[in-house]
Amino acid sequence: MVPLLKADGLTRRFDGLAILNGVSLEVAEGQCIGLVGENGCGKTSLLNVLSGVDRPDRGQIQYAPENGQMADITRWPAWRRARAGLLHYFQSPHIWRNLTVAEHVLAAATGCMLEGSVLGAARWSLSSSLRRSTRAKCEKLLDFVGLRGRANAKACELSFGQMKLVGLARLLAAPVRRMLLLDEPTAGIAPEVVVRMIEFLRKVRASGVGMLVVEHDREMLSGLADAVLELRQGRVVGFGEVA
């Protein structure tokens, strides 16, 4: 398998305490690795370091953008990693309270959150066909997550579970997807939506996208992950099949 994301010896300390202690892992194109362990073992901290939300004290992160060449991204900012398709789905949804559901997804689909490009903004303004196709894509994504009927609702009016669904739709709408870092994506979501999510993520995997998934639900992982990596007190203590 072709390597997509590699971490070697990642260490992160807070107030002298090692939250991550020499963590190494590798995810290949089209591979899904489940990340498991007790609360406080470092799972979310690892995703934060990989996505650029936080920086490691030691260690190296390598990633293969669309050109296929592995690059050292240890010091890349989070926005640059996201622009290259390394996307982070947070355990607590990141939303703008006064934007509508549709506006959240449209922003992700047009790439304006990732690029800030004047050329991209001009292209969007001048192309009516692009606007129509993008809005149609957003409507399909809202159908998928069950929020089509709330497209015009502001995010501050949503429940926690609905906010997480907005986050999922935004992730799936991103212009470039190479590697997904998913932090408990099914928590707080209705069982029927979980089933649809797994089905869609399988299709995303089939296109060559890699995934690292923090999840307590082993049944969910058994339907998606190739293997699980277990953390304990910031260290990797096991790697093997999903139980």
C-alpha atoms as a PDB file:
ATOM      1  CA  MET A   1       0.000   0.000   0.000  1.00  0.00           C
ATOM      2  CA  VAL A   2       1.096   3.564  -0.768  1.00  0.00           C
ATOM      3  CA  PRO A   3       1.869   5.570   2.408  1.00  0.00           C
ATOM      4  CA  LEU A   4      -0.277   8.657   2.866  1.00  0.00           C
ATOM      5  CA  LEU A   5       0.433   9.815   6.434  1.00  0.00           C
ATOM      6  CA  LYS A   6       3.368   8.862   8.667  1.00  0.00           C
ATOM      7  CA  ALA A   7       4.195   9.937  12.204  1.00  0.00           C
ATOM      8  CA  ASP A   8       7.477   9.103  13.894  1.00  0.00           C
ATOM      9  CA  GLY A   9       8.191   9.573  17.593  1.00  0.00           C
ATOM     10  CA  LEU A  10       5.572  12.245  18.309  1.00  0.00           C
ATOM     11  CA  THR A  11       5.894  13.639  21.823  1.00  0.00           C
ATOM     12  CA  ARG A  12       3.797  16.395  23.378  1.00  0.00           C
ATOM     13  CA  ARG A  13       4.087  17.612  26.949  1.00  0.00           C
ATOM     14  CA  PHE A  14       1.846  19.864  29.038  1.00  0.00           C
ATOM     15  CA  ASP A  15       3.194  21.135  32.360  1.00  0.00           C
ATOM     16  CA  GLY A  16       5.827  18.396  32.305  1.00  0.00           C
ATOM     17  CA  LEU A  17       3.301  15.614  31.667  1.00  0.00           C
ATOM     18  CA  ALA A  18       3.737  13.590  28.448  1.00  0.00           C
ATOM     19  CA  ILE A  19       0.323  13.539  26.765  1.00  0.00           C
ATOM     20  CA  LEU A  20       1.956  11.861  23.761  1.00  0.00           C
ATOM     21  CA  ASN A  21       5.124   9.854  24.310  1.00  0.00           C
ATOM     22  CA  GLY A  22       6.943   8.666  21.188  1.00  0.00           C
ATOM     23  CA  VAL A  23       3.863   7.835  19.086  1.00  0.00           C
ATOM     24  CA  SER A  24       4.547   6.393  15.626  1.00  0.00           C
ATOM     25  CA  LEU A  25       1.982   5.281  13.052  1.00  0.00           C
ATOM     26  CA  GLU A  26       1.364   4.979   9.327  1.00  0.00           C
ATOM     27  CA  VAL A  27      -1.828   5.183   7.275  1.00  0.00           C
ATOM     28  CA  ALA A  28      -1.911   4.199   3.598  1.00  0.00           C
ATOM     29  CA  GLU A  29      -4.163   5.359   0.780  1.00  0.00           C
ATOM     30  CA  GLY A  30      -7.605   3.826   1.187  1.00  0.00           C
ATOM     31  CA  GLN A  31      -6.783   2.484   4.654  1.00  0.00           C
ATOM     32  CA  CYS A  32      -8.780   3.135   7.826  1.00  0.00           C
ATOM     33  CA  ILE A  33      -7.156   2.811  11.238  1.00  0.00           C
ATOM     34  CA  GLY A  34      -9.244   2.961  14.411  1.00  0.00           C
ATOM     35  CA  LEU A  35      -7.694   4.791  17.359  1.00  0.00           C
ATOM     36  CA  VAL A  36      -8.823   3.412  20.722  1.00  0.00           C
ATOM     37  CA  GLY A  37      -7.970   3.736  24.401  1.00  0.00           C
ATOM     38  CA  GLU A  38      -9.319   5.016  27.690  1.00  0.00           C
ATOM     39  CA  ASN A  39     -10.320   8.649  28.170  1.00  0.00           C
ATOM     40  CA  GLY A  40      -7.238  10.821  28.622  1.00  0.00           C
ATOM     41  CA  CYS A  41      -4.851   8.454  26.857  1.00  0.00           C
ATOM     42  CA  GLY A  42      -3.958  10.998  24.154  1.00  0.00           C
ATOM     43  CA  LYS A  43      -6.273  10.166  21.238  1.00  0.00           C
ATOM     44  CA  THR A  44      -7.631  13.671  20.660  1.00  0.00           C
ATOM     45  CA  SER A  45      -4.198  15.197  21.325  1.00  0.00           C
ATOM     46  CA  LEU A  46      -2.752  12.987  18.595  1.00  0.00           C
ATOM     47  CA  LEU A  47      -5.349  14.158  16.059  1.00  0.00           C
ATOM     48  CA  ASN A  48      -4.689  17.778  17.036  1.00  0.00           C
ATOM     49  CA  VAL A  49      -0.964  17.350  16.415  1.00  0.00           C
ATOM     50  CA  LEU A  50      -1.516  15.562  13.095  1.00  0.00           C
ATOM     51  CA  SER A  51      -3.925  18.232  11.824  1.00  0.00           C
ATOM     52  CA  GLY A  52      -1.757  21.154  12.920  1.00  0.00           C
ATOM     53  CA  VAL A  53      -4.084  22.441  15.642  1.00  0.00           C
ATOM     54  CA  ASP A  54      -1.198  21.716  18.038  1.00  0.00           C
ATOM     55  CA  ARG A  55       2.549  21.204  17.550  1.00  0.00           C
ATOM     56  CA  PRO A  56       4.656  18.305  18.839  1.00  0.00           C
ATOM     57  CA  ASP A  57       7.625  18.935  21.107  1.00  0.00           C
ATOM     58  CA  ARG A  58       9.505  16.175  19.292  1.00  0.00           C
ATOM     59  CA  GLY A  59       8.917  13.913  16.323  1.00  0.00           C
ATOM     60  CA  GLN A  60       8.115  14.196  12.638  1.00  0.00           C
ATOM     61  CA  ILE A  61       4.950  14.097  10.519  1.00  0.00           C
ATOM     62  CA  GLN A  62       5.066  13.226   6.815  1.00  0.00           C
ATOM     63  CA  TYR A  63       2.175  13.454   4.385  1.00  0.00           C
ATOM     64  CA  ALA A  64       1.608  12.899   0.658  1.00  0.00           C
ATOM     65  CA  PRO A  65      -0.446  15.687  -0.972  1.00  0.00           C
ATOM     66  CA  GLU A  66      -2.002  15.211  -4.420  1.00  0.00           C
ATOM     67  CA  ASN A  67       1.367  15.069  -6.173  1.00  0.00           C
ATOM     68  CA  GLY A  68       2.100  11.814  -4.323  1.00  0.00           C
ATOM     69  CA  GLN A  69       5.471  12.915  -2.914  1.00  0.00           C
ATOM     70  CA  MET A  70       5.866  12.560   0.860  1.00  0.00           C
ATOM     71  CA  ALA A  71       6.622  15.898   2.506  1.00  0.00           C
ATOM     72  CA  ASP A  72       7.642  16.860   6.028  1.00  0.00           C
ATOM     73  CA  ILE A  73       4.603  18.781   7.304  1.00  0.00           C
ATOM     74  CA  THR A  74       5.597  18.914  10.984  1.00  0.00           C
ATOM     75  CA  ARG A  75       5.709  22.716  10.898  1.00  0.00           C
ATOM     76  CA  TRP A  76       2.911  23.288   8.404  1.00  0.00           C
ATOM     77  CA  PRO A  77       0.028  25.371   9.827  1.00  0.00           C
ATOM     78  CA  ALA A  78      -3.407  23.769  10.091  1.00  0.00           C
ATOM     79  CA  TRP A  79      -4.838  25.729   7.136  1.00  0.00           C
ATOM     80  CA  ARG A  80      -2.104  24.486   4.802  1.00  0.00           C
ATOM     81  CA  ARG A  81      -2.693  20.871   5.828  1.00  0.00           C
ATOM     82  CA  ALA A  82      -6.444  21.285   5.299  1.00  0.00           C
ATOM     83  CA  ARG A  83      -5.868  22.849   1.890  1.00  0.00           C
ATOM     84  CA  ALA A  84      -3.774  19.777   0.961  1.00  0.00           C
ATOM     85  CA  GLY A  85      -6.657  17.465   1.919  1.00  0.00           C
ATOM     86  CA  LEU A  86      -5.667  16.534   5.489  1.00  0.00           C
ATOM     87  CA  LEU A  87      -9.019  17.225   7.150  1.00  0.00           C
ATOM     88  CA  HIS A  88     -10.015  17.180  10.824  1.00  0.00           C
ATOM     89  CA  TYR A  89     -13.521  16.310  12.081  1.00  0.00           C
ATOM     90  CA  PHE A  90     -13.665  17.596  15.638  1.00  0.00           C
ATOM     91  CA  GLN A  91     -15.385  15.878  18.544  1.00  0.00           C
ATOM     92  CA  SER A  92     -17.080  19.184  19.386  1.00  0.00           C
ATOM     93  CA  PRO A  93     -18.426  20.844  16.237  1.00  0.00           C
ATOM     94  CA  HIS A  94     -16.826  24.093  15.105  1.00  0.00           C
ATOM     95  CA  ILE A  95     -19.662  26.287  13.862  1.00  0.00           C
ATOM     96  CA  TRP A  96     -20.450  29.958  13.262  1.00  0.00           C
ATOM     97  CA  ARG A  97     -23.547  30.678  15.300  1.00  0.00           C
ATOM     98  CA  ASN A  98     -25.078  33.229  12.936  1.00  0.00           C
ATOM     99  CA  LEU A  99     -24.506  31.343   9.669  1.00  0.00           C
ATOM    100  CA  THR A 100     -27.219  29.066   8.344  1.00  0.00           C
ATOM    101  CA  VAL A 101     -26.731  25.345   7.821  1.00  0.00           C
ATOM    102  CA  ALA A 102     -26.621  25.835   4.046  1.00  0.00           C
ATOM    103  CA  GLU A 103     -24.060  28.650   4.356  1.00  0.00           C
ATOM    104  CA  HIS A 104     -21.744  26.424   6.403  1.00  0.00           C
ATOM    105  CA  VAL A 105     -21.736  23.707   3.754  1.00  0.00           C
ATOM    106  CA  LEU A 106     -21.527  26.150   0.849  1.00  0.00           C
ATOM    107  CA  ALA A 107     -18.455  27.807   2.386  1.00  0.00           C
ATOM    108  CA  ALA A 108     -16.687  24.442   2.584  1.00  0.00           C
ATOM    109  CA  ALA A 109     -17.730  23.413  -0.927  1.00  0.00           C
ATOM    110  CA  THR A 110     -16.438  26.597  -2.551  1.00  0.00           C
ATOM    111  CA  GLY A 111     -13.126  26.251  -0.738  1.00  0.00           C
ATOM    112  CA  CYS A 112     -13.181  29.831   0.533  1.00  0.00           C
ATOM    113  CA  MET A 113     -12.398  28.647   4.051  1.00  0.00           C
ATOM    114  CA  LEU A 114      -9.295  26.870   2.772  1.00  0.00           C
ATOM    115  CA  GLU A 115      -7.953  29.125   0.029  1.00  0.00           C
ATOM    116  CA  GLY A 116      -8.921  32.752   0.549  1.00  0.00           C
ATOM    117  CA  SER A 117      -8.140  33.111  -3.154  1.00  0.00           C
ATOM    118  CA  VAL A 118      -9.121  36.286  -5.035  1.00  0.00           C
ATOM    119  CA  LEU A 119      -9.057  34.289  -8.281  1.00  0.00           C
ATOM    120  CA  GLY A 120     -11.310  31.627  -6.770  1.00  0.00           C
ATOM    121  CA  ALA A 121     -13.759  34.273  -5.537  1.00  0.00           C
ATOM    122  CA  ALA A 122     -13.866  35.878  -8.974  1.00  0.00           C
ATOM    123  CA  ARG A 123     -14.455  32.520 -10.654  1.00  0.00           C
ATOM    124  CA  TRP A 124     -17.325  31.825  -8.264  1.00  0.00           C
ATOM    125  CA  SER A 125     -18.876  35.253  -8.908  1.00  0.00           C
ATOM    126  CA  LEU A 126     -18.689  34.984 -12.707  1.00  0.00           C
ATOM    127  CA  SER A 127     -19.766  31.366 -13.212  1.00  0.00           C
ATOM    128  CA  SER A 128     -23.493  30.768 -12.777  1.00  0.00           C
ATOM    129  CA  SER A 129     -23.082  27.088 -13.746  1.00  0.00           C
ATOM    130  CA  LEU A 130     -20.460  26.622 -11.026  1.00  0.00           C
ATOM    131  CA  ARG A 131     -22.765  28.194  -8.458  1.00  0.00           C
ATOM    132  CA  ARG A 132     -25.653  25.958  -9.509  1.00  0.00           C
ATOM    133  CA  SER A 133     -23.591  22.767  -9.422  1.00  0.00           C
ATOM    134  CA  THR A 134     -22.069  23.671  -6.065  1.00  0.00           C
ATOM    135  CA  ARG A 135     -25.457  24.420  -4.523  1.00  0.00           C
ATOM    136  CA  ALA A 136     -26.800  21.124  -5.911  1.00  0.00           C
ATOM    137  CA  LYS A 137     -23.866  19.311  -4.291  1.00  0.00           C
ATOM    138  CA  CYS A 138     -24.610  21.020  -0.979  1.00  0.00           C
ATOM    139  CA  GLU A 139     -28.277  20.060  -1.160  1.00  0.00           C
ATOM    140  CA  LYS A 140     -27.329  16.413  -1.708  1.00  0.00           C
ATOM    141  CA  LEU A 141     -25.018  16.501   1.295  1.00  0.00           C
ATOM    142  CA  LEU A 142     -27.740  18.020   3.464  1.00  0.00           C
ATOM    143  CA  ASP A 143     -30.076  15.260   2.299  1.00  0.00           C
ATOM    144  CA  PHE A 144     -27.464  12.704   3.277  1.00  0.00           C
ATOM    145  CA  VAL A 145     -27.082  13.992   6.829  1.00  0.00           C
ATOM    146  CA  GLY A 146     -30.820  14.575   7.203  1.00  0.00           C
ATOM    147  CA  LEU A 147     -30.686  18.375   7.475  1.00  0.00           C
ATOM    148  CA  ARG A 148     -32.293  19.457   4.176  1.00  0.00           C
ATOM    149  CA  GLY A 149     -35.326  20.698   6.081  1.00  0.00           C
ATOM    150  CA  ARG A 150     -33.116  22.874   8.300  1.00  0.00           C
ATOM    151  CA  ALA A 151     -30.994  24.381   5.536  1.00  0.00           C
ATOM    152  CA  ASN A 152     -32.066  27.928   6.410  1.00  0.00           C
ATOM    153  CA  ALA A 153     -31.816  27.510  10.186  1.00  0.00           C
ATOM    154  CA  LYS A 154     -28.970  29.287  11.958  1.00  0.00           C
ATOM    155  CA  ALA A 155     -26.409  27.061  13.635  1.00  0.00           C
ATOM    156  CA  CYS A 156     -27.258  28.511  17.060  1.00  0.00           C
ATOM    157  CA  GLU A 157     -30.752  27.008  16.697  1.00  0.00           C
ATOM    158  CA  LEU A 158     -29.481  23.431  16.260  1.00  0.00           C
ATOM    159  CA  SER A 159     -29.047  20.614  18.755  1.00  0.00           C
ATOM    160  CA  PHE A 160     -25.571  19.256  19.471  1.00  0.00           C
ATOM    161  CA  GLY A 161     -26.203  16.227  17.261  1.00  0.00           C
ATOM    162  CA  GLN A 162     -27.366  18.444  14.397  1.00  0.00           C
ATOM    163  CA  MET A 163     -24.269  20.613  14.763  1.00  0.00           C
ATOM    164  CA  LYS A 164     -22.125  17.479  14.385  1.00  0.00           C
ATOM    165  CA  LEU A 165     -24.012  16.639  11.209  1.00  0.00           C
ATOM    166  CA  VAL A 166     -23.248  20.104   9.854  1.00  0.00           C
ATOM    167  CA  GLY A 167     -19.576  19.390  10.567  1.00  0.00           C
ATOM    168  CA  LEU A 168     -19.810  16.110   8.679  1.00  0.00           C
ATOM    169  CA  ALA A 169     -21.447  17.769   5.674  1.00  0.00           C
ATOM    170  CA  ARG A 170     -18.733  20.463   5.628  1.00  0.00           C
ATOM    171  CA  LEU A 171     -16.009  17.827   5.738  1.00  0.00           C
ATOM    172  CA  LEU A 172     -17.554  15.893   2.853  1.00  0.00           C
ATOM    173  CA  ALA A 173     -17.972  19.112   0.849  1.00  0.00           C
ATOM    174  CA  ALA A 174     -14.265  20.045   0.979  1.00  0.00           C
ATOM    175  CA  PRO A 175     -12.731  20.459  -2.510  1.00  0.00           C
ATOM    176  CA  VAL A 176      -9.730  18.213  -1.671  1.00  0.00           C
ATOM    177  CA  ARG A 177      -9.963  15.091   0.508  1.00  0.00           C
ATOM    178  CA  ARG A 178      -6.894  12.906   0.977  1.00  0.00           C
ATOM    179  CA  MET A 179      -6.835  11.995   4.668  1.00  0.00           C
ATOM    180  CA  LEU A 180      -9.611  12.274   7.260  1.00  0.00           C
ATOM    181  CA  LEU A 181      -8.936  12.606  10.991  1.00  0.00           C
ATOM    182  CA  LEU A 182     -12.272  11.767  12.642  1.00  0.00           C
ATOM    183  CA  ASP A 183     -12.741  12.355  16.374  1.00  0.00           C
ATOM    184  CA  GLU A 184     -15.737  10.310  17.600  1.00  0.00           C
ATOM    185  CA  PRO A 185     -17.833  11.058  14.494  1.00  0.00           C
ATOM    186  CA  THR A 186     -20.858   9.016  15.619  1.00  0.00           C
ATOM    187  CA  ALA A 187     -21.231  10.411  19.159  1.00  0.00           C
ATOM    188  CA  GLY A 188     -24.614  12.097  19.606  1.00  0.00           C
ATOM    189  CA  ILE A 189     -25.931  11.043  16.180  1.00  0.00           C
ATOM    190  CA  ALA A 190     -29.047   8.942  15.567  1.00  0.00           C
ATOM    191  CA  PRO A 191     -28.391   5.241  14.738  1.00  0.00           C
ATOM    192  CA  GLU A 192     -29.938   5.472  11.262  1.00  0.00           C
ATOM    193  CA  VAL A 193     -27.575   8.322  10.369  1.00  0.00           C
ATOM    194  CA  VAL A 194     -24.617   6.344  11.726  1.00  0.00           C
ATOM    195  CA  VAL A 195     -25.435   3.568   9.242  1.00  0.00           C
ATOM    196  CA  ARG A 196     -25.502   6.047   6.340  1.00  0.00           C
ATOM    197  CA  MET A 197     -22.278   7.636   7.555  1.00  0.00           C
ATOM    198  CA  ILE A 198     -20.437   4.304   7.557  1.00  0.00           C
ATOM    199  CA  GLU A 199     -21.728   3.507   4.064  1.00  0.00           C
ATOM    200  CA  PHE A 200     -20.558   6.860   2.739  1.00  0.00           C
ATOM    201  CA  LEU A 201     -17.174   6.650   4.450  1.00  0.00           C
ATOM    202  CA  ARG A 202     -16.648   3.244   2.860  1.00  0.00           C
ATOM    203  CA  LYS A 203     -17.228   4.844  -0.546  1.00  0.00           C
ATOM    204  CA  VAL A 204     -14.787   7.627   0.332  1.00  0.00           C
ATOM    205  CA  ARG A 205     -12.194   5.008   1.311  1.00  0.00           C
ATOM    206  CA  ALA A 206     -12.675   3.232  -2.000  1.00  0.00           C
ATOM    207  CA  SER A 207     -11.503   6.394  -3.780  1.00  0.00           C
ATOM    208  CA  GLY A 208      -8.142   6.140  -1.985  1.00  0.00           C
ATOM    209  CA  VAL A 209      -8.797   8.431   0.987  1.00  0.00           C
ATOM    210  CA  GLY A 210      -7.105   7.388   4.233  1.00  0.00           C
ATOM    211  CA  MET A 211      -8.752   7.634   7.660  1.00  0.00           C
ATOM    212  CA  LEU A 212      -7.752   7.726  11.301  1.00  0.00           C
ATOM    213  CA  VAL A 213     -10.858   7.357  13.476  1.00  0.00           C
ATOM    214  CA  VAL A 214     -11.162   7.888  17.228  1.00  0.00           C
ATOM    215  CA  GLU A 215     -14.164   5.836  18.294  1.00  0.00           C
ATOM    216  CA  HIS A 216     -15.425   4.051  21.410  1.00  0.00           C
ATOM    217  CA  ASP A 217     -18.010   2.070  19.432  1.00  0.00           C
ATOM    218  CA  ARG A 218     -16.148  -1.076  18.390  1.00  0.00           C
ATOM    219  CA  GLU A 219     -19.132  -2.179  16.294  1.00  0.00           C
ATOM    220  CA  MET A 220     -18.840   0.996  14.237  1.00  0.00           C
ATOM    221  CA  LEU A 221     -15.108   0.385  13.777  1.00  0.00           C
ATOM    222  CA  SER A 222     -15.676  -3.239  12.772  1.00  0.00           C
ATOM    223  CA  GLY A 223     -17.756  -1.998   9.848  1.00  0.00           C
ATOM    224  CA  LEU A 224     -15.135   0.496   8.695  1.00  0.00           C
ATOM    225  CA  ALA A 225     -11.587   0.024  10.028  1.00  0.00           C
ATOM    226  CA  ASP A 226      -8.888  -2.357   8.780  1.00  0.00           C
ATOM    227  CA  ALA A 227      -7.149  -2.388  12.160  1.00  0.00           C
ATOM    228  CA  VAL A 228      -7.023  -0.584  15.492  1.00  0.00           C
ATOM    229  CA  LEU A 229      -4.163   1.175  17.225  1.00  0.00           C
ATOM    230  CA  GLU A 230      -4.415   1.368  21.018  1.00  0.00           C
ATOM    231  CA  LEU A 231      -2.992   4.184  23.127  1.00  0.00           C
ATOM    232  CA  ARG A 232      -2.330   4.050  26.849  1.00  0.00           C
ATOM    233  CA  GLN A 233      -0.921   7.024  28.750  1.00  0.00           C
ATOM    234  CA  GLY A 234       0.309   8.580  25.525  1.00  0.00           C
ATOM    235  CA  ARG A 235       2.066   5.475  24.194  1.00  0.00           C
ATOM    236  CA  VAL A 236       1.162   2.956  21.499  1.00  0.00           C
ATOM    237  CA  VAL A 237       0.545  -0.339  23.306  1.00  0.00           C
ATOM    238  CA  GLY A 238      -1.102  -2.394  20.596  1.00  0.00           C
ATOM    239  CA  PHE A 239      -1.935  -2.649  16.897  1.00  0.00           C
ATOM    240  CA  GLY A 240      -4.111  -5.355  15.398  1.00  0.00           C
ATOM    241  CA  GLU A 241      -7.461  -6.475  14.104  1.00  0.00           C
ATOM    242  CA  VAL A 242     -10.734  -4.886  15.182  1.00  0.00           C
ATOM    243  CA  ALA A 243     -12.176  -7.004  18.000  1.00  0.00           C
END
